[in-house]
Amino acid sequence: MSRAIAEPESRGLLSRHDLRRPGTSILVRTIHVLVLVGVVVAGAGPLAWLAFASLNTTQEVLRDPFAVWFHADEWSNYTAAFGTIDIGRYLLNTVVFAVGACLANLIVSTSAAYVIAVLRPRWGGVLSGAILATLFLPGIVSLVPLYLTVLDLPPFGVNLQNTYWAAWLPAAANAFSILIMVGFFRSLPRELIEAARLDGAGNLRMLWSIVLPLSRPILGVVALLSIIAAWKDYLWPSLVLADASVQPISVALPIVGKITDLSVFLAALFLATIVPVVLFMVFSKQILSGVGASSGLKD
């Protein structure tokens, strides 16, 4: 009995008895501290350096990049970023691009997940398998066909290049978003769905009145992940949004950086970087809880 109770305590690399030894305890705590410091430096270090470097002059950054921490007082770099680079317009373009991609993703993901997980047609398994299979295809494989489709959208024959529709529509079909929403919808109480059907509610009424109100956590997760993905996307917007008036900041910065003072460019780069970081930090708890809830599948 005592051996069975003590057995779970000794399954780790070090048992509780080993951790009670002063030398072992100090060594373990030291390793924990070093790992934590390494993770913080690797994760937050570049962003912190960028923040301080953006408050230095170009000469100071080039002369000693590691001394930017001690004289960060050039707030005029941010004023110049809005005046010289017109960073405000690119930020606004990015917001339009990210919000539109988010809404398109939510509409498609919610509709597909509702059909698969709630309506459960006979061919739902085939559709779910086909969506899952797309995760194993490299994105570069579909790049050329997708670009040709944008240039001549069938069956209308419309050229969507340099319009936000060219960026929104491809972002709508996201297999990962559909699958995590399918998992969450399957975890909803089936009794509510059956009761609504007995009361005569149609499919759209069940979606609007029952499924969506109960799915706010996962909807928020999908929306936030979509916004962050669109905010940092570069390859696809650079292909379909060649006009500078509609370019997001991820596409515009590499272009204007070639003709802009380094310190001003660093300020613009920090503004472009800090938004998705802040969004993730603020809503990280909701992201983890929503994804965790979607993993509990119920049939």
Protein backbone atom coordinates (compact mmCIF):
# COMPACT_ATOMS: atom_id res chain seq x y z
CA MET A 1 0.00 0.00 0.00
CA SER A 2 2.72 2.50 1.04
CA ARG A 3 4.80 1.62 -2.04
CA ALA A 4 1.80 2.20 -4.32
CA ILE A 5 1.15 5.57 -2.71
CA ALA A 6 4.79 6.66 -2.95
CA GLU A 7 5.23 5.44 -6.50
CA PRO A 8 3.77 8.53 -8.25
CA GLU A 9 6.23 10.72 -6.32
CA SER A 10 9.25 8.92 -7.82
CA ARG A 11 8.21 8.98 -11.47
CA GLY A 12 10.03 12.23 -12.16
CA LEU A 13 13.71 12.77 -12.76
CA LEU A 14 14.15 13.71 -9.11
CA SER A 15 12.06 12.44 -6.22
CA ARG A 16 10.92 14.54 -3.26
CA HIS A 17 13.59 12.90 -1.18
CA ASP A 18 16.26 14.09 -3.62
CA LEU A 19 14.82 17.61 -3.62
CA ARG A 20 15.11 17.78 0.17
CA ARG A 21 18.89 17.61 -0.11
CA PRO A 22 20.34 21.16 0.16
CA GLY A 23 22.77 20.76 -2.74
CA THR A 24 20.17 19.28 -5.08
CA SER A 25 17.55 21.87 -4.15
CA ILE A 26 19.92 24.77 -4.83
CA LEU A 27 20.98 23.25 -8.15
CA VAL A 28 17.39 22.74 -9.30
CA ARG A 29 16.37 26.27 -8.33
CA THR A 30 19.40 27.69 -10.10
CA ILE A 31 18.54 25.79 -13.28
CA HIS A 32 14.93 27.03 -13.06
CA VAL A 33 16.11 30.63 -12.71
CA LEU A 34 18.55 30.32 -15.61
CA VAL A 35 15.92 28.79 -17.87
CA LEU A 36 13.41 31.49 -16.93
CA VAL A 37 15.94 34.26 -17.57
CA GLY A 38 16.89 32.69 -20.90
CA VAL A 39 13.27 32.49 -22.02
CA VAL A 40 12.60 36.10 -20.99
CA VAL A 41 15.74 37.37 -22.73
CA ALA A 42 15.04 35.40 -25.91
CA GLY A 43 11.37 36.39 -26.00
CA ALA A 44 11.27 39.96 -24.70
CA GLY A 45 14.87 41.00 -25.33
CA PRO A 46 14.57 41.90 -29.03
CA LEU A 47 11.33 43.82 -28.47
CA ALA A 48 12.83 45.73 -25.53
CA TRP A 49 15.95 46.57 -27.57
CA LEU A 50 13.74 47.79 -30.44
CA ALA A 51 11.77 50.01 -28.05
CA PHE A 52 14.93 51.65 -26.66
CA ALA A 53 16.69 51.84 -30.03
CA SER A 54 13.71 53.69 -31.50
CA LEU A 55 14.37 56.44 -28.92
CA ASN A 56 17.97 56.98 -30.05
CA THR A 57 19.49 58.75 -33.01
CA THR A 58 20.75 56.82 -36.00
CA GLN A 59 24.37 57.67 -35.13
CA GLU A 60 23.96 56.35 -31.60
CA VAL A 61 22.42 53.09 -32.78
CA LEU A 62 25.13 52.50 -35.37
CA ARG A 63 28.00 53.55 -33.07
CA ASP A 64 27.09 51.25 -30.17
CA PRO A 65 23.91 49.14 -30.53
CA PHE A 66 24.23 47.87 -26.94
CA ALA A 67 24.33 51.37 -25.45
CA VAL A 68 20.83 52.34 -26.53
CA TRP A 69 19.52 51.51 -23.05
CA PHE A 70 21.20 54.54 -21.43
CA HIS A 71 20.04 57.51 -23.51
CA ALA A 72 16.57 56.81 -24.88
CA ASP A 73 15.04 60.27 -25.23
CA GLU A 74 14.48 60.88 -28.96
CA TRP A 75 10.65 60.94 -28.91
CA SER A 76 10.75 62.98 -32.12
CA ASN A 77 11.39 59.73 -33.99
CA TYR A 78 7.75 58.77 -33.49
CA THR A 79 6.56 62.17 -34.63
CA ALA A 80 8.70 61.80 -37.74
CA ALA A 81 7.30 58.29 -38.30
CA PHE A 82 3.79 59.71 -38.56
CA GLY A 83 4.90 62.69 -40.61
CA THR A 84 7.60 61.31 -42.90
CA ILE A 85 6.52 57.71 -43.39
CA ASP A 86 2.79 58.38 -42.87
CA ILE A 87 2.70 55.39 -40.54
CA GLY A 88 -0.86 56.27 -39.51
CA ARG A 89 -2.21 55.47 -42.96
CA TYR A 90 -0.44 52.14 -43.09
CA LEU A 91 -1.70 51.27 -39.62
CA LEU A 92 -5.24 52.11 -40.72
CA ASN A 93 -4.81 49.92 -43.82
CA THR A 94 -3.61 47.10 -41.58
CA VAL A 95 -6.63 47.48 -39.30
CA VAL A 96 -9.00 47.31 -42.28
CA PHE A 97 -7.18 44.28 -43.65
CA ALA A 98 -7.07 42.48 -40.28
CA VAL A 99 -10.69 43.18 -39.31
CA GLY A 100 -12.00 42.14 -42.72
CA ALA A 101 -9.95 38.93 -42.65
CA CYS A 102 -11.22 38.24 -39.13
CA LEU A 103 -14.88 38.67 -40.11
CA ALA A 104 -14.47 36.51 -43.22
CA ASN A 105 -12.74 33.80 -41.19
CA LEU A 106 -15.46 33.86 -38.52
CA ILE A 107 -18.27 33.56 -41.07
CA VAL A 108 -16.72 30.64 -42.94
CA SER A 109 -15.40 28.82 -39.86
CA THR A 110 -18.66 29.16 -37.94
CA SER A 111 -20.75 27.98 -40.87
CA ALA A 112 -18.56 24.98 -41.63
CA ALA A 113 -18.24 23.96 -37.97
CA TYR A 114 -21.99 24.30 -37.44
CA VAL A 115 -22.71 22.00 -40.36
CA ILE A 116 -20.16 19.40 -39.29
CA ALA A 117 -20.63 19.40 -35.52
CA VAL A 118 -24.28 20.38 -35.00
CA LEU A 119 -26.26 19.48 -38.12
CA ARG A 120 -24.15 16.34 -38.69
CA PRO A 121 -25.00 15.41 -42.29
CA ARG A 122 -23.99 12.01 -43.63
CA TRP A 123 -21.18 13.52 -45.62
CA GLY A 124 -19.90 15.50 -42.62
CA GLY A 125 -17.07 13.07 -41.97
CA VAL A 126 -15.85 13.40 -45.55
CA LEU A 127 -15.94 17.19 -45.32
CA SER A 128 -14.11 17.15 -41.99
CA GLY A 129 -11.44 14.82 -43.40
CA ALA A 130 -10.98 17.00 -46.48
CA ILE A 131 -10.52 20.08 -44.29
CA LEU A 132 -8.04 18.23 -42.10
CA ALA A 133 -6.10 17.09 -45.18
CA THR A 134 -5.48 20.70 -46.21
CA LEU A 135 -3.36 21.20 -43.09
CA PHE A 136 -0.76 18.83 -44.55
CA LEU A 137 -0.41 20.82 -47.77
CA PRO A 138 2.33 23.47 -47.82
CA GLY A 139 0.88 26.92 -48.34
CA ILE A 140 3.31 27.65 -51.16
CA VAL A 141 1.67 24.92 -53.26
CA SER A 142 -1.58 26.87 -53.58
CA LEU A 143 0.06 30.27 -53.94
CA VAL A 144 0.15 30.42 -57.76
CA PRO A 145 -3.38 29.00 -58.35
CA LEU A 146 -4.75 31.34 -55.71
CA TYR A 147 -3.02 34.33 -57.28
CA LEU A 148 -4.36 33.45 -60.74
CA THR A 149 -7.83 33.13 -59.25
CA VAL A 150 -7.56 36.61 -57.76
CA LEU A 151 -6.53 38.02 -61.13
CA ASP A 152 -9.57 36.47 -62.83
CA LEU A 153 -12.22 35.52 -60.28
CA PRO A 154 -14.50 32.83 -61.69
CA PRO A 155 -17.24 32.93 -62.82
CA PHE A 156 -17.37 36.73 -62.80
CA GLY A 157 -14.04 37.40 -64.50
CA VAL A 158 -13.26 40.21 -62.05
CA ASN A 159 -9.73 41.29 -61.17
CA LEU A 160 -9.50 41.69 -57.39
CA GLN A 161 -5.88 42.84 -57.27
CA ASN A 162 -5.28 46.00 -55.21
CA THR A 163 -8.62 45.51 -53.43
CA TYR A 164 -9.05 44.24 -49.90
CA TRP A 165 -11.26 41.43 -51.17
CA ALA A 166 -8.13 39.81 -52.60
CA ALA A 167 -6.72 39.67 -49.07
CA TRP A 168 -9.95 38.89 -47.21
CA LEU A 169 -11.28 35.97 -49.24
CA PRO A 170 -8.21 33.68 -48.95
CA ALA A 171 -8.05 34.40 -45.21
CA ALA A 172 -11.64 33.18 -44.82
CA ALA A 173 -10.77 29.53 -45.48
CA ASN A 174 -8.67 28.51 -42.49
CA ALA A 175 -8.66 24.81 -41.68
CA PHE A 176 -7.25 25.28 -38.18
CA SER A 177 -10.02 27.71 -37.21
CA ILE A 178 -12.68 25.35 -38.54
CA LEU A 179 -11.32 22.35 -36.67
CA ILE A 180 -11.05 24.05 -33.28
CA MET A 181 -14.57 25.41 -33.70
CA VAL A 182 -15.80 21.93 -34.62
CA GLY A 183 -14.29 20.64 -31.40
CA PHE A 184 -15.96 23.37 -29.36
CA PHE A 185 -19.36 22.93 -31.03
CA ARG A 186 -19.24 19.20 -30.33
CA SER A 187 -18.72 19.95 -26.64
CA LEU A 188 -21.96 21.96 -26.43
CA PRO A 189 -24.85 20.23 -24.63
CA ARG A 190 -26.67 18.18 -27.22
CA GLU A 191 -29.87 18.39 -25.17
CA LEU A 192 -30.22 22.09 -25.98
CA ILE A 193 -30.03 21.40 -29.69
CA GLU A 194 -32.62 18.63 -29.51
CA ALA A 195 -34.93 20.74 -27.33
CA ALA A 196 -34.73 23.61 -29.81
CA ARG A 197 -35.62 21.26 -32.65
CA LEU A 198 -38.62 19.96 -30.72
CA ASP A 199 -39.76 23.54 -30.21
CA GLY A 200 -39.68 24.07 -33.97
CA ALA A 201 -36.50 26.18 -34.23
CA GLY A 202 -34.87 26.14 -37.65
CA ASN A 203 -31.20 25.72 -38.35
CA LEU A 204 -30.50 29.44 -38.55
CA ARG A 205 -32.47 30.13 -35.36
CA MET A 206 -30.50 27.45 -33.49
CA LEU A 207 -27.24 28.91 -34.75
CA TRP A 208 -28.12 32.48 -33.79
CA SER A 209 -29.95 31.90 -30.51
CA ILE A 210 -28.19 28.86 -29.02
CA VAL A 211 -24.86 27.98 -30.60
CA LEU A 212 -23.34 31.45 -31.04
CA PRO A 213 -24.16 32.76 -27.51
CA LEU A 214 -22.60 29.62 -26.00
CA SER A 215 -19.57 29.87 -28.28
CA ARG A 216 -18.35 33.35 -27.38
CA PRO A 217 -15.04 32.08 -25.90
CA ILE A 218 -14.00 30.19 -29.04
CA LEU A 219 -15.29 32.98 -31.30
CA GLY A 220 -13.03 35.40 -29.45
CA VAL A 221 -10.08 33.04 -29.80
CA VAL A 222 -10.59 32.59 -33.54
CA ALA A 223 -11.09 36.33 -34.02
CA LEU A 224 -7.93 37.22 -32.14
CA LEU A 225 -5.80 34.60 -33.90
CA SER A 226 -7.14 35.80 -37.26
CA ILE A 227 -6.28 39.42 -36.49
CA ILE A 228 -2.76 38.55 -35.35
CA ALA A 229 -2.17 36.33 -38.39
CA ALA A 230 -3.39 39.05 -40.77
CA TRP A 231 -1.38 41.73 -38.98
CA LYS A 232 1.92 39.91 -39.48
CA ASP A 233 1.21 38.45 -42.93
CA TYR A 234 3.60 39.66 -45.60
CA LEU A 235 3.81 37.34 -48.61
CA TRP A 236 0.19 37.32 -49.76
CA PRO A 237 -0.55 41.04 -49.22
CA SER A 238 2.67 41.93 -51.04
CA LEU A 239 1.39 40.03 -54.09
CA VAL A 240 -2.19 41.28 -54.25
CA LEU A 241 -1.85 44.74 -52.68
CA ALA A 242 0.84 46.36 -54.82
CA ASP A 243 -0.79 49.80 -54.63
CA ALA A 244 0.78 51.81 -51.78
CA SER A 245 -2.58 53.36 -50.87
CA VAL A 246 -3.95 49.99 -49.66
CA GLN A 247 -0.80 48.30 -48.42
CA PRO A 248 -0.69 47.10 -44.79
CA ILE A 249 2.23 48.04 -42.61
CA SER A 250 3.93 44.64 -43.00
CA VAL A 251 4.30 45.28 -46.74
CA ALA A 252 4.99 49.01 -46.61
CA LEU A 253 7.76 49.02 -44.00
CA PRO A 254 10.36 47.03 -46.01
CA ILE A 255 9.79 49.44 -48.90
CA VAL A 256 9.95 52.73 -47.00
CA GLY A 257 12.79 51.44 -44.83
CA LYS A 258 15.17 51.74 -47.78
CA ILE A 259 14.65 55.50 -48.01
CA THR A 260 14.03 56.37 -44.35
CA ASP A 261 16.37 57.32 -41.55
CA LEU A 262 17.19 54.30 -39.40
CA SER A 263 15.94 55.76 -36.12
CA VAL A 264 12.60 56.74 -37.66
CA PHE A 265 12.31 53.34 -39.27
CA LEU A 266 12.93 51.64 -35.90
CA ALA A 267 10.14 53.73 -34.36
CA ALA A 268 7.75 52.68 -37.12
CA LEU A 269 8.86 49.08 -36.75
CA PHE A 270 8.15 49.16 -33.00
CA LEU A 271 4.64 50.54 -33.59
CA ALA A 272 3.97 47.75 -36.07
CA THR A 273 5.30 45.09 -33.71
CA ILE A 274 3.76 46.12 -30.40
CA VAL A 275 0.10 45.85 -31.46
CA PRO A 276 -0.10 42.04 -31.94
CA VAL A 277 2.12 41.52 -28.90
CA VAL A 278 -0.20 43.56 -26.69
CA LEU A 279 -3.28 41.83 -28.09
CA PHE A 280 -1.83 38.42 -27.32
CA MET A 281 -0.72 39.41 -23.83
CA VAL A 282 -4.12 40.88 -22.96
CA PHE A 283 -6.12 37.94 -24.28
CA SER A 284 -3.65 35.09 -23.70
CA LYS A 285 -5.82 33.61 -20.94
CA GLN A 286 -8.87 33.55 -23.21
CA ILE A 287 -6.83 31.98 -26.03
CA LEU A 288 -5.53 29.16 -23.87
CA SER A 289 -8.88 28.49 -22.21
CA GLY A 290 -10.76 28.58 -25.52
CA VAL A 291 -8.37 26.23 -27.29
CA GLY A 292 -8.34 23.96 -24.25
CA ALA A 293 -12.12 23.81 -24.21
CA SER A 294 -12.22 22.96 -27.90
CA SER A 295 -10.10 19.87 -27.29
CA GLY A 296 -12.81 18.20 -25.24
CA LEU A 297 -14.88 16.48 -27.90
CA LYS A 298 -18.34 15.14 -27.25
CA ASP A 299 -20.43 13.24 -29.77
